[in-house]
Amino acid sequence: MKYKCIIFDCDGTLVDTLDDISSAMNQTLVHFGFPAVEREKYRFMTGWGIFKLAELALPEAARKEETIQSAGAYAKQLMDELPPEKSLSKPYPGIRELLTQLNPLRPKKLKTAVISNKPDSVLQRLMCDLFGHSAFDAVYGLNPGFAPKPDPAMVWDFLAEINCNPHNAIFMGDSEIDIETAKNAGCYPLGVSWGFRLRETLETAGAASIIDKPDEVWGLLDAKKI
């Protein structure tokens, strides 16, 4: 198989954002008069988008649509306004090196993209702050009115833009949402073990393979053929 692009998830795949996510949502909970949630619990709440995160973080009795929408919007504002110098988010070990190695292939042989349920404004700034404005061929975050992953629409939009068949694309992520997205889109579902979810979660979701270090992706990319 000749792969023509790699699509990355963001949170838990490219970047460890757990501190910033938990901080923003806990500030939100306290603002609305609810108890904060233990940081580690956020590992299993992220991935579906800011409003689902708000729903899961709120006490069950408070999960009314109006409260969810208000809390999600407040948390998004906190994320939008977080100064880069105060952000605790950082690329996982080996990610910068992988992107540097992939970069020479991008013009003609291998396109790269980030597709995330993170709010688009937050994602765009984070990717630029951490990797520069041209590290990827495309960056797709979630905008109002658009379907979140595991709906494959964002993936198909990108693949159509670069004229790439889904079977020639790798979707790389750390959660069951990413694996389901890859399968729904017809891409190769590649799991990563260093993120927020457990390996067993990825296996159950149907990951075709799971890597433990970013450079192991080269096992799928035959450099002589791409």
N, C-alpha and C. Protein backbone atom coordinates (compact mmCIF):
# COMPACT_ATOMS: atom_id res chain seq x y z
N MET A 1 0.84 -1.19 0.00
CA MET A 1 0.00 0.00 0.00
C MET A 1 0.87 1.24 0.00
N LYS A 2 0.56 2.14 -0.91
CA LYS A 2 1.30 3.40 -0.98
C LYS A 2 0.48 4.49 -0.29
N TYR A 3 0.90 4.90 0.88
CA TYR A 3 0.18 5.95 1.60
C TYR A 3 0.59 7.32 1.09
N LYS A 4 -0.42 8.16 0.91
CA LYS A 4 -0.19 9.49 0.37
C LYS A 4 -0.42 10.60 1.38
N CYS A 5 -0.93 10.24 2.55
CA CYS A 5 -1.09 11.25 3.59
C CYS A 5 -1.22 10.61 4.97
N ILE A 6 -0.86 11.40 5.97
CA ILE A 6 -1.06 11.02 7.37
C ILE A 6 -1.91 12.11 8.00
N ILE A 7 -3.00 11.69 8.64
CA ILE A 7 -3.86 12.60 9.39
C ILE A 7 -3.65 12.33 10.87
N PHE A 8 -3.32 13.37 11.60
CA PHE A 8 -3.06 13.26 13.03
C PHE A 8 -4.22 13.81 13.84
N ASP A 9 -4.56 13.14 14.92
CA ASP A 9 -5.35 13.75 15.98
C ASP A 9 -4.42 14.71 16.73
N CYS A 10 -4.99 15.60 17.54
CA CYS A 10 -4.15 16.54 18.30
C CYS A 10 -3.96 16.08 19.75
N ASP A 11 -5.01 16.23 20.57
CA ASP A 11 -4.90 15.96 22.01
C ASP A 11 -4.58 14.49 22.27
N GLY A 12 -3.48 14.23 22.95
CA GLY A 12 -3.11 12.86 23.27
C GLY A 12 -2.35 12.16 22.17
N THR A 13 -2.19 12.81 21.01
CA THR A 13 -1.48 12.21 19.88
C THR A 13 -0.26 13.04 19.53
N LEU A 14 -0.47 14.27 19.13
CA LEU A 14 0.65 15.19 18.87
C LEU A 14 1.09 15.91 20.13
N VAL A 15 0.10 16.30 20.94
CA VAL A 15 0.36 17.21 22.06
C VAL A 15 -0.27 16.70 23.35
N ASP A 16 0.48 16.79 24.43
CA ASP A 16 -0.07 16.51 25.76
C ASP A 16 -0.73 17.78 26.27
N THR A 17 -2.04 17.83 26.15
CA THR A 17 -2.82 19.02 26.51
C THR A 17 -3.62 18.83 27.80
N LEU A 18 -3.37 17.74 28.51
CA LEU A 18 -4.23 17.40 29.64
C LEU A 18 -4.25 18.47 30.72
N ASP A 19 -3.10 19.09 31.00
CA ASP A 19 -3.06 20.12 32.03
C ASP A 19 -3.90 21.33 31.65
N ASP A 20 -3.80 21.77 30.40
CA ASP A 20 -4.57 22.93 29.97
C ASP A 20 -6.07 22.61 29.89
N ILE A 21 -6.41 21.42 29.43
CA ILE A 21 -7.82 21.03 29.35
C ILE A 21 -8.44 20.95 30.74
N SER A 22 -7.76 20.26 31.65
CA SER A 22 -8.31 20.11 33.00
C SER A 22 -8.38 21.45 33.72
N SER A 23 -7.39 22.31 33.51
CA SER A 23 -7.39 23.62 34.15
C SER A 23 -8.56 24.47 33.67
N ALA A 24 -8.76 24.53 32.35
CA ALA A 24 -9.85 25.34 31.80
C ALA A 24 -11.21 24.83 32.25
N MET A 25 -11.40 23.52 32.23
CA MET A 25 -12.70 23.00 32.62
C MET A 25 -12.94 23.11 34.11
N ASN A 26 -11.89 22.94 34.93
CA ASN A 26 -12.08 23.09 36.36
C ASN A 26 -12.33 24.54 36.76
N GLN A 27 -11.68 25.47 36.08
CA GLN A 27 -12.00 26.89 36.30
C GLN A 27 -13.46 27.17 35.94
N THR A 28 -13.92 26.52 34.88
CA THR A 28 -15.31 26.68 34.45
C THR A 28 -16.26 26.12 35.48
N LEU A 29 -15.99 24.92 35.96
CA LEU A 29 -16.85 24.30 36.96
C LEU A 29 -16.96 25.16 38.21
N VAL A 30 -15.84 25.64 38.69
CA VAL A 30 -15.84 26.48 39.89
C VAL A 30 -16.60 27.78 39.62
N HIS A 31 -16.42 28.36 38.44
CA HIS A 31 -17.13 29.60 38.07
C HIS A 31 -18.65 29.42 38.16
N PHE A 32 -19.12 28.24 37.75
CA PHE A 32 -20.57 27.98 37.77
C PHE A 32 -21.04 27.34 39.07
N GLY A 33 -20.14 27.22 40.03
CA GLY A 33 -20.53 26.74 41.35
C GLY A 33 -20.51 25.24 41.52
N PHE A 34 -19.73 24.54 40.69
CA PHE A 34 -19.65 23.09 40.78
C PHE A 34 -18.25 22.66 41.21
N PRO A 35 -18.11 21.46 41.78
CA PRO A 35 -16.78 21.00 42.21
C PRO A 35 -15.87 20.67 41.04
N ALA A 36 -14.58 20.91 41.23
CA ALA A 36 -13.58 20.55 40.22
C ALA A 36 -13.47 19.03 40.13
N VAL A 37 -12.93 18.57 39.02
CA VAL A 37 -12.76 17.15 38.74
C VAL A 37 -11.27 16.81 38.78
N GLU A 38 -10.95 15.64 39.31
CA GLU A 38 -9.55 15.20 39.36
C GLU A 38 -8.94 15.18 37.96
N ARG A 39 -7.73 15.69 37.85
CA ARG A 39 -7.06 15.82 36.55
C ARG A 39 -7.08 14.53 35.75
N GLU A 40 -6.72 13.41 36.36
CA GLU A 40 -6.58 12.17 35.62
C GLU A 40 -7.90 11.68 35.01
N LYS A 41 -9.03 12.09 35.59
CA LYS A 41 -10.32 11.67 35.05
C LYS A 41 -10.58 12.28 33.68
N TYR A 42 -9.91 13.41 33.41
CA TYR A 42 -10.10 14.05 32.12
C TYR A 42 -9.52 13.23 30.97
N ARG A 43 -8.63 12.29 31.27
CA ARG A 43 -8.09 11.43 30.22
C ARG A 43 -9.19 10.70 29.46
N PHE A 44 -10.26 10.39 30.18
CA PHE A 44 -11.33 9.56 29.61
C PHE A 44 -12.55 10.39 29.23
N MET A 45 -12.45 11.73 29.39
CA MET A 45 -13.55 12.62 29.03
C MET A 45 -13.30 13.38 27.74
N THR A 46 -12.04 13.46 27.34
CA THR A 46 -11.70 14.28 26.18
C THR A 46 -11.92 13.53 24.87
N GLY A 47 -11.99 14.30 23.80
CA GLY A 47 -12.01 13.69 22.47
C GLY A 47 -13.28 13.91 21.68
N TRP A 48 -14.39 14.21 22.38
CA TRP A 48 -15.67 14.38 21.68
C TRP A 48 -16.00 15.85 21.42
N GLY A 49 -15.17 16.76 21.91
CA GLY A 49 -15.45 18.18 21.74
C GLY A 49 -15.74 18.86 23.06
N ILE A 50 -15.70 20.18 23.05
CA ILE A 50 -15.77 20.96 24.28
C ILE A 50 -17.10 20.83 25.00
N PHE A 51 -18.20 20.68 24.26
CA PHE A 51 -19.51 20.62 24.91
C PHE A 51 -19.76 19.25 25.53
N LYS A 52 -19.29 18.20 24.88
CA LYS A 52 -19.38 16.88 25.50
C LYS A 52 -18.47 16.82 26.71
N LEU A 53 -17.31 17.45 26.64
CA LEU A 53 -16.42 17.51 27.81
C LEU A 53 -17.11 18.20 28.97
N ALA A 54 -17.79 19.31 28.69
CA ALA A 54 -18.52 20.03 29.73
C ALA A 54 -19.60 19.14 30.33
N GLU A 55 -20.32 18.43 29.48
CA GLU A 55 -21.38 17.54 29.97
C GLU A 55 -20.82 16.48 30.90
N LEU A 56 -19.72 15.86 30.51
CA LEU A 56 -19.15 14.78 31.33
C LEU A 56 -18.54 15.30 32.62
N ALA A 57 -18.03 16.54 32.61
CA ALA A 57 -17.39 17.10 33.80
C ALA A 57 -18.41 17.60 34.81
N LEU A 58 -19.58 18.01 34.34
CA LEU A 58 -20.61 18.50 35.24
C LEU A 58 -21.18 17.37 36.10
N PRO A 59 -21.62 17.68 37.32
CA PRO A 59 -22.34 16.66 38.09
C PRO A 59 -23.57 16.20 37.31
N GLU A 60 -23.91 14.95 37.45
CA GLU A 60 -24.99 14.38 36.64
C GLU A 60 -26.29 15.17 36.76
N ALA A 61 -26.60 15.64 37.95
CA ALA A 61 -27.85 16.38 38.17
C ALA A 61 -27.86 17.73 37.47
N ALA A 62 -26.67 18.22 37.10
CA ALA A 62 -26.58 19.55 36.48
C ALA A 62 -26.47 19.49 34.96
N ARG A 63 -26.58 18.31 34.38
CA ARG A 63 -26.35 18.15 32.94
C ARG A 63 -27.58 18.52 32.11
N LYS A 64 -28.00 19.77 32.27
CA LYS A 64 -29.07 20.32 31.46
C LYS A 64 -28.45 21.03 30.26
N GLU A 65 -29.14 21.04 29.14
CA GLU A 65 -28.58 21.55 27.90
C GLU A 65 -28.09 22.99 28.04
N GLU A 66 -28.86 23.82 28.72
CA GLU A 66 -28.46 25.22 28.88
C GLU A 66 -27.16 25.33 29.67
N THR A 67 -27.03 24.53 30.71
CA THR A 67 -25.82 24.55 31.54
C THR A 67 -24.63 24.02 30.75
N ILE A 68 -24.85 22.96 29.99
CA ILE A 68 -23.78 22.38 29.17
C ILE A 68 -23.27 23.41 28.16
N GLN A 69 -24.18 24.08 27.48
CA GLN A 69 -23.80 25.06 26.48
C GLN A 69 -23.05 26.23 27.11
N SER A 70 -23.53 26.70 28.26
CA SER A 70 -22.87 27.82 28.94
C SER A 70 -21.47 27.44 29.42
N ALA A 71 -21.37 26.25 30.00
CA ALA A 71 -20.07 25.79 30.51
C ALA A 71 -19.09 25.56 29.37
N GLY A 72 -19.56 24.95 28.28
CA GLY A 72 -18.69 24.71 27.14
C GLY A 72 -18.19 26.00 26.52
N ALA A 73 -19.07 26.98 26.40
CA ALA A 73 -18.68 28.27 25.83
C ALA A 73 -17.69 29.00 26.72
N TYR A 74 -17.88 28.89 28.03
CA TYR A 74 -16.98 29.56 28.98
C TYR A 74 -15.59 28.91 28.92
N ALA A 75 -15.55 27.57 28.88
CA ALA A 75 -14.26 26.87 28.81
C ALA A 75 -13.54 27.20 27.51
N LYS A 76 -14.29 27.28 26.41
CA LYS A 76 -13.67 27.65 25.13
C LYS A 76 -13.06 29.04 25.20
N GLN A 77 -13.76 29.96 25.82
CA GLN A 77 -13.22 31.32 25.96
C GLN A 77 -11.93 31.33 26.75
N LEU A 78 -11.88 30.54 27.83
CA LEU A 78 -10.65 30.44 28.62
C LEU A 78 -9.51 29.90 27.78
N MET A 79 -9.79 28.90 26.96
CA MET A 79 -8.76 28.32 26.10
C MET A 79 -8.30 29.32 25.04
N ASP A 80 -9.26 30.05 24.47
CA ASP A 80 -8.93 31.05 23.46
C ASP A 80 -8.04 32.16 24.03
N GLU A 81 -8.25 32.49 25.29
CA GLU A 81 -7.56 33.63 25.90
C GLU A 81 -6.29 33.23 26.65
N LEU A 82 -5.96 31.94 26.67
CA LEU A 82 -4.77 31.48 27.39
C LEU A 82 -3.51 31.97 26.67
N PRO A 83 -2.69 32.80 27.32
CA PRO A 83 -1.46 33.27 26.66
C PRO A 83 -0.51 32.09 26.41
N PRO A 84 0.16 32.08 25.27
CA PRO A 84 1.07 30.97 24.95
C PRO A 84 2.10 30.71 26.04
N GLU A 85 2.59 31.78 26.67
CA GLU A 85 3.62 31.61 27.69
C GLU A 85 3.09 30.95 28.97
N LYS A 86 1.76 30.90 29.11
CA LYS A 86 1.17 30.26 30.29
C LYS A 86 0.62 28.87 29.97
N SER A 87 0.68 28.49 28.73
CA SER A 87 0.19 27.16 28.34
C SER A 87 1.15 26.08 28.82
N LEU A 88 0.57 25.00 29.31
CA LEU A 88 1.37 23.85 29.76
C LEU A 88 1.40 22.74 28.72
N SER A 89 0.72 22.95 27.59
CA SER A 89 0.68 21.94 26.54
C SER A 89 2.03 21.82 25.85
N LYS A 90 2.41 20.59 25.54
CA LYS A 90 3.71 20.36 24.91
C LYS A 90 3.65 19.13 24.02
N PRO A 91 4.42 19.15 22.93
CA PRO A 91 4.46 17.98 22.05
C PRO A 91 5.02 16.77 22.78
N TYR A 92 4.53 15.60 22.44
CA TYR A 92 5.07 14.38 23.01
C TYR A 92 6.49 14.14 22.47
N PRO A 93 7.31 13.44 23.24
CA PRO A 93 8.67 13.14 22.77
C PRO A 93 8.66 12.46 21.41
N GLY A 94 9.48 12.97 20.52
CA GLY A 94 9.60 12.39 19.19
C GLY A 94 8.69 12.98 18.13
N ILE A 95 7.69 13.77 18.55
CA ILE A 95 6.75 14.34 17.58
C ILE A 95 7.42 15.39 16.70
N ARG A 96 8.16 16.31 17.30
CA ARG A 96 8.84 17.34 16.50
C ARG A 96 9.79 16.68 15.49
N GLU A 97 10.51 15.68 15.94
CA GLU A 97 11.47 15.00 15.08
C GLU A 97 10.75 14.31 13.92
N LEU A 98 9.61 13.67 14.20
CA LEU A 98 8.84 13.02 13.14
C LEU A 98 8.37 14.03 12.10
N LEU A 99 7.83 15.16 12.56
CA LEU A 99 7.33 16.17 11.63
C LEU A 99 8.47 16.75 10.79
N THR A 100 9.64 16.90 11.40
CA THR A 100 10.81 17.39 10.65
C THR A 100 11.20 16.41 9.56
N GLN A 101 11.13 15.11 9.88
CA GLN A 101 11.49 14.08 8.90
C GLN A 101 10.45 13.97 7.79
N LEU A 102 9.19 14.22 8.12
CA LEU A 102 8.12 14.13 7.12
C LEU A 102 8.08 15.36 6.21
N ASN A 103 8.56 16.47 6.71
CA ASN A 103 8.42 17.73 5.99
C ASN A 103 8.96 17.71 4.56
N PRO A 104 10.16 17.13 4.30
CA PRO A 104 10.66 17.12 2.92
C PRO A 104 9.79 16.31 1.95
N LEU A 105 8.97 15.41 2.47
CA LEU A 105 8.12 14.58 1.62
C LEU A 105 6.82 15.27 1.23
N ARG A 106 6.46 16.33 1.97
CA ARG A 106 5.14 16.94 1.81
C ARG A 106 4.87 17.57 0.44
N PRO A 107 5.81 18.22 -0.20
CA PRO A 107 5.46 18.90 -1.45
C PRO A 107 4.84 18.00 -2.51
N LYS A 108 5.35 16.76 -2.66
CA LYS A 108 4.87 15.92 -3.75
C LYS A 108 4.43 14.52 -3.33
N LYS A 109 4.94 14.03 -2.21
CA LYS A 109 4.77 12.61 -1.93
C LYS A 109 3.83 12.28 -0.77
N LEU A 110 3.80 13.08 0.28
CA LEU A 110 3.06 12.70 1.48
C LEU A 110 2.49 13.95 2.16
N LYS A 111 1.18 14.12 2.11
CA LYS A 111 0.53 15.26 2.75
C LYS A 111 0.27 14.95 4.23
N THR A 112 0.20 15.99 5.04
CA THR A 112 -0.09 15.82 6.47
C THR A 112 -1.20 16.78 6.88
N ALA A 113 -1.99 16.35 7.85
CA ALA A 113 -3.07 17.19 8.36
C ALA A 113 -3.31 16.88 9.83
N VAL A 114 -3.92 17.83 10.52
CA VAL A 114 -4.40 17.63 11.88
C VAL A 114 -5.92 17.78 11.83
N ILE A 115 -6.64 16.79 12.33
CA ILE A 115 -8.09 16.85 12.39
C ILE A 115 -8.52 16.50 13.80
N SER A 116 -9.18 17.46 14.45
CA SER A 116 -9.46 17.36 15.88
C SER A 116 -10.85 17.89 16.19
N ASN A 117 -11.43 17.39 17.29
CA ASN A 117 -12.68 17.94 17.80
C ASN A 117 -12.44 19.14 18.71
N LYS A 118 -11.19 19.54 18.86
CA LYS A 118 -10.86 20.76 19.61
C LYS A 118 -11.48 21.96 18.86
N PRO A 119 -11.98 22.98 19.56
CA PRO A 119 -12.49 24.15 18.85
C PRO A 119 -11.46 24.67 17.85
N ASP A 120 -11.91 25.01 16.64
CA ASP A 120 -10.99 25.35 15.57
C ASP A 120 -10.07 26.51 15.95
N SER A 121 -10.61 27.54 16.58
CA SER A 121 -9.78 28.70 16.94
C SER A 121 -8.68 28.32 17.91
N VAL A 122 -9.01 27.43 18.84
CA VAL A 122 -8.02 26.97 19.83
C VAL A 122 -6.96 26.11 19.15
N LEU A 123 -7.42 25.20 18.27
CA LEU A 123 -6.50 24.29 17.59
C LEU A 123 -5.54 25.05 16.67
N GLN A 124 -6.07 25.98 15.89
CA GLN A 124 -5.22 26.72 14.95
C GLN A 124 -4.09 27.44 15.68
N ARG A 125 -4.42 28.08 16.77
CA ARG A 125 -3.39 28.82 17.51
C ARG A 125 -2.39 27.88 18.15
N LEU A 126 -2.87 26.77 18.73
CA LEU A 126 -1.98 25.82 19.39
C LEU A 126 -0.98 25.23 18.41
N MET A 127 -1.46 24.82 17.23
CA MET A 127 -0.57 24.23 16.24
C MET A 127 0.47 25.24 15.76
N CYS A 128 0.05 26.48 15.59
CA CYS A 128 0.97 27.52 15.16
C CYS A 128 2.00 27.82 16.24
N ASP A 129 1.54 27.92 17.49
CA ASP A 129 2.44 28.23 18.60
C ASP A 129 3.49 27.14 18.80
N LEU A 130 3.09 25.88 18.65
CA LEU A 130 4.00 24.77 18.95
C LEU A 130 4.84 24.32 17.75
N PHE A 131 4.26 24.41 16.54
CA PHE A 131 4.94 23.84 15.38
C PHE A 131 5.20 24.83 14.25
N GLY A 132 4.68 26.04 14.35
CA GLY A 132 4.82 27.01 13.27
C GLY A 132 3.61 26.98 12.35
N HIS A 133 3.48 28.00 11.51
CA HIS A 133 2.27 28.16 10.71
C HIS A 133 2.21 27.24 9.49
N SER A 134 3.31 26.57 9.14
CA SER A 134 3.30 25.74 7.93
C SER A 134 3.77 24.31 8.18
N ALA A 135 3.55 23.81 9.39
CA ALA A 135 4.02 22.47 9.72
C ALA A 135 3.16 21.38 9.10
N PHE A 136 1.92 21.72 8.72
CA PHE A 136 0.98 20.74 8.15
C PHE A 136 0.35 21.32 6.89
N ASP A 137 -0.13 20.45 6.04
CA ASP A 137 -0.82 20.92 4.85
C ASP A 137 -2.22 21.44 5.17
N ALA A 138 -2.80 20.96 6.25
CA ALA A 138 -4.13 21.44 6.66
C ALA A 138 -4.31 21.19 8.15
N VAL A 139 -5.08 22.07 8.78
CA VAL A 139 -5.45 21.91 10.19
C VAL A 139 -6.96 22.14 10.29
N TYR A 140 -7.68 21.12 10.72
CA TYR A 140 -9.14 21.18 10.83
C TYR A 140 -9.55 21.00 12.29
N GLY A 141 -10.06 22.06 12.90
CA GLY A 141 -10.70 21.94 14.20
C GLY A 141 -12.20 22.01 14.02
N LEU A 142 -12.93 21.84 15.12
CA LEU A 142 -14.39 21.80 15.05
C LEU A 142 -14.98 23.20 15.10
N ASN A 143 -15.84 23.49 14.15
CA ASN A 143 -16.59 24.74 14.10
C ASN A 143 -18.06 24.47 14.34
N PRO A 144 -18.80 25.47 14.86
CA PRO A 144 -20.25 25.28 15.09
C PRO A 144 -20.96 24.85 13.82
N GLY A 145 -21.86 23.90 13.97
CA GLY A 145 -22.64 23.43 12.84
C GLY A 145 -22.02 22.28 12.08
N PHE A 146 -20.76 21.94 12.40
CA PHE A 146 -20.09 20.84 11.73
C PHE A 146 -20.12 19.59 12.62
N ALA A 147 -20.16 18.43 12.00
CA ALA A 147 -20.23 17.18 12.74
C ALA A 147 -18.86 16.83 13.31
N PRO A 148 -18.79 16.47 14.59
CA PRO A 148 -17.51 16.08 15.18
C PRO A 148 -17.14 14.65 14.81
N LYS A 149 -15.84 14.34 14.95
CA LYS A 149 -15.42 12.94 14.87
C LYS A 149 -16.22 12.15 15.92
N PRO A 150 -16.60 10.91 15.64
CA PRO A 150 -16.11 10.02 14.57
C PRO A 150 -16.83 10.17 13.22
N ASP A 151 -17.66 11.19 13.06
CA ASP A 151 -18.19 11.47 11.73
C ASP A 151 -17.00 11.72 10.79
N PRO A 152 -16.98 11.12 9.61
CA PRO A 152 -15.81 11.22 8.74
C PRO A 152 -15.77 12.47 7.86
N ALA A 153 -16.73 13.38 8.02
CA ALA A 153 -16.86 14.50 7.08
C ALA A 153 -15.59 15.33 6.96
N MET A 154 -14.98 15.68 8.09
CA MET A 154 -13.77 16.51 8.04
C MET A 154 -12.63 15.78 7.33
N VAL A 155 -12.55 14.48 7.55
CA VAL A 155 -11.52 13.67 6.88
C VAL A 155 -11.76 13.66 5.38
N TRP A 156 -13.00 13.42 4.98
CA TRP A 156 -13.31 13.38 3.55
C TRP A 156 -13.09 14.73 2.88
N ASP A 157 -13.38 15.81 3.60
CA ASP A 157 -13.14 17.15 3.03
C ASP A 157 -11.66 17.34 2.71
N PHE A 158 -10.81 16.93 3.65
CA PHE A 158 -9.37 17.08 3.42
C PHE A 158 -8.89 16.18 2.29
N LEU A 159 -9.34 14.94 2.29
CA LEU A 159 -8.90 14.00 1.26
C LEU A 159 -9.35 14.44 -0.13
N ALA A 160 -10.55 15.01 -0.21
CA ALA A 160 -11.02 15.53 -1.50
C ALA A 160 -10.17 16.71 -1.95
N GLU A 161 -9.76 17.52 -0.98
CA GLU A 161 -8.93 18.69 -1.29
C GLU A 161 -7.59 18.29 -1.90
N ILE A 162 -7.03 17.18 -1.44
CA ILE A 162 -5.72 16.75 -1.95
C ILE A 162 -5.84 15.61 -2.96
N ASN A 163 -7.09 15.26 -3.31
CA ASN A 163 -7.34 14.20 -4.29
C ASN A 163 -6.71 12.88 -3.88
N CYS A 164 -7.02 12.47 -2.66
CA CYS A 164 -6.45 11.24 -2.09
C CYS A 164 -7.56 10.26 -1.73
N ASN A 165 -7.40 9.03 -2.14
CA ASN A 165 -8.33 7.97 -1.77
C ASN A 165 -8.17 7.66 -0.29
N PRO A 166 -9.27 7.45 0.46
CA PRO A 166 -9.15 7.12 1.89
C PRO A 166 -8.24 5.92 2.17
N HIS A 167 -8.21 4.96 1.26
CA HIS A 167 -7.38 3.77 1.47
C HIS A 167 -5.88 4.09 1.38
N ASN A 168 -5.56 5.27 0.90
CA ASN A 168 -4.17 5.70 0.84
C ASN A 168 -3.82 6.68 1.97
N ALA A 169 -4.66 6.69 3.00
CA ALA A 169 -4.47 7.62 4.12
C ALA A 169 -4.37 6.88 5.44
N ILE A 170 -3.48 7.34 6.30
CA ILE A 170 -3.36 6.85 7.67
C ILE A 170 -4.00 7.86 8.59
N PHE A 171 -4.85 7.39 9.49
CA PHE A 171 -5.38 8.27 10.54
C PHE A 171 -4.77 7.80 11.86
N MET A 172 -4.04 8.69 12.50
CA MET A 172 -3.24 8.33 13.69
C MET A 172 -3.80 9.04 14.92
N GLY A 173 -4.22 8.26 15.93
CA GLY A 173 -4.80 8.87 17.11
C GLY A 173 -4.70 7.99 18.34
N ASP A 174 -5.05 8.60 19.46
CA ASP A 174 -4.87 7.93 20.76
C ASP A 174 -6.16 7.42 21.38
N SER A 175 -7.31 7.64 20.71
CA SER A 175 -8.58 7.29 21.36
C SER A 175 -9.45 6.43 20.47
N GLU A 176 -10.48 5.87 21.08
CA GLU A 176 -11.46 5.09 20.32
C GLU A 176 -12.17 5.97 19.30
N ILE A 177 -12.28 7.26 19.58
CA ILE A 177 -12.92 8.19 18.65
C ILE A 177 -12.12 8.26 17.35
N ASP A 178 -10.80 8.31 17.48
CA ASP A 178 -9.93 8.38 16.30
C ASP A 178 -9.98 7.09 15.48
N ILE A 179 -9.98 5.98 16.17
CA ILE A 179 -10.04 4.69 15.47
C ILE A 179 -11.38 4.56 14.75
N GLU A 180 -12.46 4.97 15.40
CA GLU A 180 -13.77 4.91 14.76
C GLU A 180 -13.83 5.87 13.57
N THR A 181 -13.22 7.04 13.71
CA THR A 181 -13.18 8.01 12.61
C THR A 181 -12.46 7.42 11.41
N ALA A 182 -11.31 6.82 11.67
CA ALA A 182 -10.53 6.21 10.59
C ALA A 182 -11.33 5.13 9.88
N LYS A 183 -11.98 4.28 10.64
CA LYS A 183 -12.76 3.20 10.05
C LYS A 183 -13.96 3.74 9.28
N ASN A 184 -14.62 4.75 9.83
CA ASN A 184 -15.77 5.34 9.15
C ASN A 184 -15.36 6.01 7.83
N ALA A 185 -14.15 6.57 7.83
CA ALA A 185 -13.67 7.27 6.63
C ALA A 185 -13.04 6.34 5.62
N GLY A 186 -12.69 5.13 6.05
CA GLY A 186 -12.03 4.18 5.15
C GLY A 186 -10.52 4.31 5.16
N CYS A 187 -9.97 4.95 6.20
CA CYS A 187 -8.51 5.13 6.33
C CYS A 187 -7.91 4.01 7.18
N TYR A 188 -6.58 3.94 7.17
CA TYR A 188 -5.88 2.97 8.02
C TYR A 188 -5.94 3.48 9.47
N PRO A 189 -6.52 2.71 10.40
CA PRO A 189 -6.66 3.16 11.79
C PRO A 189 -5.42 2.82 12.63
N LEU A 190 -4.58 3.82 12.85
CA LEU A 190 -3.33 3.64 13.59
C LEU A 190 -3.46 4.22 14.99
N GLY A 191 -3.33 3.38 16.00
CA GLY A 191 -3.39 3.84 17.38
C GLY A 191 -2.01 4.18 17.92
N VAL A 192 -1.99 5.09 18.90
CA VAL A 192 -0.74 5.42 19.60
C VAL A 192 -0.94 5.17 21.09
N SER A 193 0.08 4.59 21.72
CA SER A 193 -0.07 4.15 23.11
C SER A 193 0.30 5.21 24.14
N TRP A 194 0.87 6.36 23.68
CA TRP A 194 1.38 7.34 24.64
C TRP A 194 0.34 8.38 25.06
N GLY A 195 -0.87 8.28 24.55
CA GLY A 195 -1.85 9.33 24.78
C GLY A 195 -2.73 9.13 26.01
N PHE A 196 -3.99 9.57 25.89
CA PHE A 196 -4.90 9.62 27.03
C PHE A 196 -5.58 8.28 27.33
N ARG A 197 -5.78 7.47 26.32
CA ARG A 197 -6.53 6.24 26.52
C ARG A 197 -5.61 5.03 26.74
N LEU A 198 -6.22 3.93 27.15
CA LEU A 198 -5.49 2.69 27.37
C LEU A 198 -5.33 1.93 26.05
N ARG A 199 -4.27 1.14 25.96
CA ARG A 199 -4.05 0.30 24.78
C ARG A 199 -5.27 -0.59 24.53
N GLU A 200 -5.84 -1.14 25.60
CA GLU A 200 -6.98 -2.04 25.46
C GLU A 200 -8.16 -1.33 24.79
N THR A 201 -8.30 -0.03 25.06
CA THR A 201 -9.39 0.74 24.44
C THR A 201 -9.19 0.81 22.93
N LEU A 202 -7.95 1.03 22.52
CA LEU A 202 -7.65 1.11 21.09
C LEU A 202 -7.85 -0.24 20.41
N GLU A 203 -7.43 -1.30 21.09
CA GLU A 203 -7.59 -2.64 20.54
C GLU A 203 -9.07 -2.99 20.36
N THR A 204 -9.86 -2.67 21.38
CA THR A 204 -11.29 -2.96 21.32
C THR A 204 -11.97 -2.16 20.21
N ALA A 205 -11.50 -0.93 20.00
CA ALA A 205 -12.08 -0.07 18.97
C ALA A 205 -11.75 -0.55 17.56
N GLY A 206 -10.69 -1.36 17.44
CA GLY A 206 -10.35 -1.93 16.14
C GLY A 206 -9.15 -1.32 15.46
N ALA A 207 -8.19 -0.82 16.25
CA ALA A 207 -6.96 -0.30 15.65
C ALA A 207 -6.26 -1.40 14.86
N ALA A 208 -5.83 -1.06 13.63
CA ALA A 208 -5.13 -2.05 12.81
C ALA A 208 -3.75 -2.34 13.39
N SER A 209 -3.14 -1.33 13.99
CA SER A 209 -1.89 -1.51 14.71
C SER A 209 -1.75 -0.37 15.70
N ILE A 210 -0.87 -0.55 16.67
CA ILE A 210 -0.63 0.45 17.72
C ILE A 210 0.87 0.65 17.84
N ILE A 211 1.30 1.91 17.80
CA ILE A 211 2.73 2.20 17.94
C ILE A 211 3.01 2.81 19.31
N ASP A 212 4.25 2.60 19.79
CA ASP A 212 4.65 3.08 21.11
C ASP A 212 5.54 4.31 21.04
N LYS A 213 6.08 4.60 19.86
CA LYS A 213 6.91 5.79 19.65
C LYS A 213 6.58 6.37 18.28
N PRO A 214 6.63 7.70 18.16
CA PRO A 214 6.26 8.32 16.88
C PRO A 214 7.02 7.79 15.68
N ASP A 215 8.32 7.49 15.83
CA ASP A 215 9.09 7.08 14.65
C ASP A 215 8.71 5.68 14.15
N GLU A 216 7.91 4.96 14.91
CA GLU A 216 7.46 3.65 14.46
C GLU A 216 6.48 3.75 13.30
N VAL A 217 5.98 4.97 13.02
CA VAL A 217 5.10 5.14 11.87
C VAL A 217 5.83 4.81 10.57
N TRP A 218 7.15 4.90 10.60
CA TRP A 218 7.93 4.57 9.40
C TRP A 218 7.79 3.11 9.02
N GLY A 219 7.34 2.29 9.95
CA GLY A 219 7.09 0.89 9.63
C GLY A 219 5.96 0.74 8.61
N LEU A 220 5.09 1.74 8.55
CA LEU A 220 4.01 1.74 7.55
C LEU A 220 4.38 2.50 6.30
N LEU A 221 5.38 3.37 6.43
CA LEU A 221 5.78 4.22 5.33
C LEU A 221 7.10 3.71 4.76
N ASP A 222 7.03 3.01 3.67
CA ASP A 222 8.24 2.55 3.02
C ASP A 222 8.86 3.74 2.28
N ALA A 223 9.93 4.27 2.83
CA ALA A 223 10.52 5.50 2.30
C ALA A 223 10.95 5.35 0.83
N LYS A 224 11.16 4.13 0.39
CA LYS A 224 11.59 3.91 -0.99
C LYS A 224 10.42 3.99 -1.97
N LYS A 225 9.19 3.89 -1.41
CA LYS A 225 8.03 3.84 -2.28
C LYS A 225 7.19 5.11 -2.26
N ILE A 226 7.33 5.92 -1.20
CA ILE A 226 6.48 7.11 -1.12
C ILE A 226 7.07 8.28 -1.86
